[in-house]
Amino acid sequence: MKFCDECGALLVPKKDKKSNKFVLVCRKCGNKVTPDPDSKEIDDYVIASDLNHVPHEKIEVVKEKGRRRKRVTDEDREAFEDFFEDDSGVESY
């Protein structure tokens, strides 16, 4: 495996559209490195993306249904504040 000289991320093989050859490209910064054709660096890479899961490998996630709270409207809030105010004008809780 090779890593980018610019940012240190893993270089992955990608086919260059112009030359129709494989180059190593950094996914993070886009830096391209042309491998030495004699070293066969590209042959060491294997890209696999197929995942075959069987039913017993799947994870079931159970979430508790959240309770809905009623939102207090501004009118209700003012009514509560007026109700709990004492005679001196200072709110007490």
Protein backbone atom coordinates (compact mmCIF):
# COMPACT_ATOMS: atom_id res chain seq x y z
CA MET A 1 0.00 0.00 0.00
CA LYS A 2 1.09 3.52 -0.70
CA PHE A 3 0.18 6.72 1.05
CA CYS A 4 -0.12 10.27 -0.25
CA ASP A 5 2.98 12.45 0.08
CA GLU A 6 0.78 15.54 0.48
CA CYS A 7 -1.69 14.53 3.21
CA GLY A 8 -0.81 10.97 4.24
CA ALA A 9 -4.12 9.38 3.15
CA LEU A 10 -4.31 6.01 1.41
CA LEU A 11 -3.82 6.03 -2.35
CA VAL A 12 -6.33 3.98 -4.32
CA PRO A 13 -6.01 2.78 -7.92
CA LYS A 14 -8.16 4.47 -10.53
CA LYS A 15 -8.17 4.16 -14.31
CA ASP A 16 -6.99 7.34 -16.03
CA LYS A 17 -9.41 8.24 -18.83
CA LYS A 18 -6.75 9.88 -21.01
CA SER A 19 -4.05 7.23 -20.93
CA ASN A 20 -6.35 4.28 -20.13
CA LYS A 21 -3.83 3.15 -17.49
CA PHE A 22 -4.15 2.85 -13.74
CA VAL A 23 -2.88 5.65 -11.48
CA LEU A 24 -2.90 5.93 -7.70
CA VAL A 25 -5.22 8.72 -6.51
CA CYS A 26 -5.59 10.21 -3.05
CA ARG A 27 -9.24 10.29 -2.01
CA LYS A 28 -8.63 13.16 0.38
CA CYS A 29 -6.67 15.71 -1.64
CA GLY A 30 -6.85 14.30 -5.21
CA ASN A 31 -3.08 13.95 -5.60
CA LYS A 32 -2.25 11.56 -8.48
CA VAL A 33 0.79 9.29 -8.51
CA THR A 34 1.80 7.31 -11.57
CA PRO A 35 3.22 3.99 -10.40
CA ASP A 36 6.34 2.51 -11.92
CA PRO A 37 5.18 -0.01 -14.57
CA ASP A 38 8.06 -2.36 -13.75
CA SER A 39 7.22 -2.60 -10.04
CA LYS A 40 3.67 -3.96 -10.58
CA GLU A 41 2.35 -1.86 -7.63
CA ILE A 42 -1.15 -1.84 -9.09
CA ASP A 43 -1.29 -5.66 -9.06
CA ASP A 44 -1.04 -5.60 -5.25
CA TYR A 45 -4.32 -3.72 -4.96
CA VAL A 46 -7.68 -5.48 -4.86
CA ILE A 47 -10.87 -3.45 -4.78
CA ALA A 48 -13.89 -5.35 -3.51
CA SER A 49 -17.26 -3.80 -2.81
CA ASP A 50 -19.67 -6.74 -2.82
CA LEU A 51 -21.07 -7.56 0.58
CA ASN A 52 -23.31 -10.56 0.94
CA HIS A 53 -25.10 -10.63 4.26
CA VAL A 54 -27.14 -13.54 5.47
CA PRO A 55 -30.19 -12.89 7.66
CA HIS A 56 -28.49 -13.92 10.91
CA GLU A 57 -25.77 -11.29 10.38
CA LYS A 58 -28.21 -8.38 10.28
CA ILE A 59 -28.66 -6.29 13.40
CA GLU A 60 -32.12 -5.28 14.47
CA VAL A 61 -32.38 -1.92 16.17
CA VAL A 62 -35.26 -1.33 18.55
CA LYS A 63 -35.95 2.22 19.60
CA GLU A 64 -38.20 3.31 22.40
CA LYS A 65 -41.01 5.43 21.11
CA GLY A 66 -40.43 8.94 22.34
CA ARG A 67 -43.07 10.65 24.35
CA ARG A 68 -44.48 13.72 22.76
CA ARG A 69 -44.65 16.73 24.95
CA LYS A 70 -47.18 19.38 24.26
CA ARG A 71 -45.61 22.65 23.41
CA VAL A 72 -46.67 25.55 25.56
CA THR A 73 -47.91 28.45 23.50
CA ASP A 74 -46.90 32.02 24.27
CA GLU A 75 -50.45 32.78 25.41
CA ASP A 76 -50.41 29.87 27.89
CA ARG A 77 -46.97 30.93 29.15
CA GLU A 78 -48.22 34.48 29.83
CA ALA A 79 -51.29 33.11 31.61
CA PHE A 80 -49.09 30.94 33.87
CA GLU A 81 -46.80 33.88 34.62
CA ASP A 82 -49.77 36.09 35.51
CA PHE A 83 -51.22 33.38 37.73
CA PHE A 84 -48.00 32.85 39.69
CA GLU A 85 -47.17 36.54 40.14
CA ASP A 86 -47.77 37.82 43.65
CA ASP A 87 -49.05 41.28 44.62
CA SER A 88 -45.59 42.89 44.74
CA GLY A 89 -44.96 42.23 41.04
CA VAL A 90 -42.12 39.78 41.77
CA GLU A 91 -42.54 36.33 40.35
CA SER A 92 -42.30 33.44 42.78
CA TYR A 93 -41.95 29.82 41.81
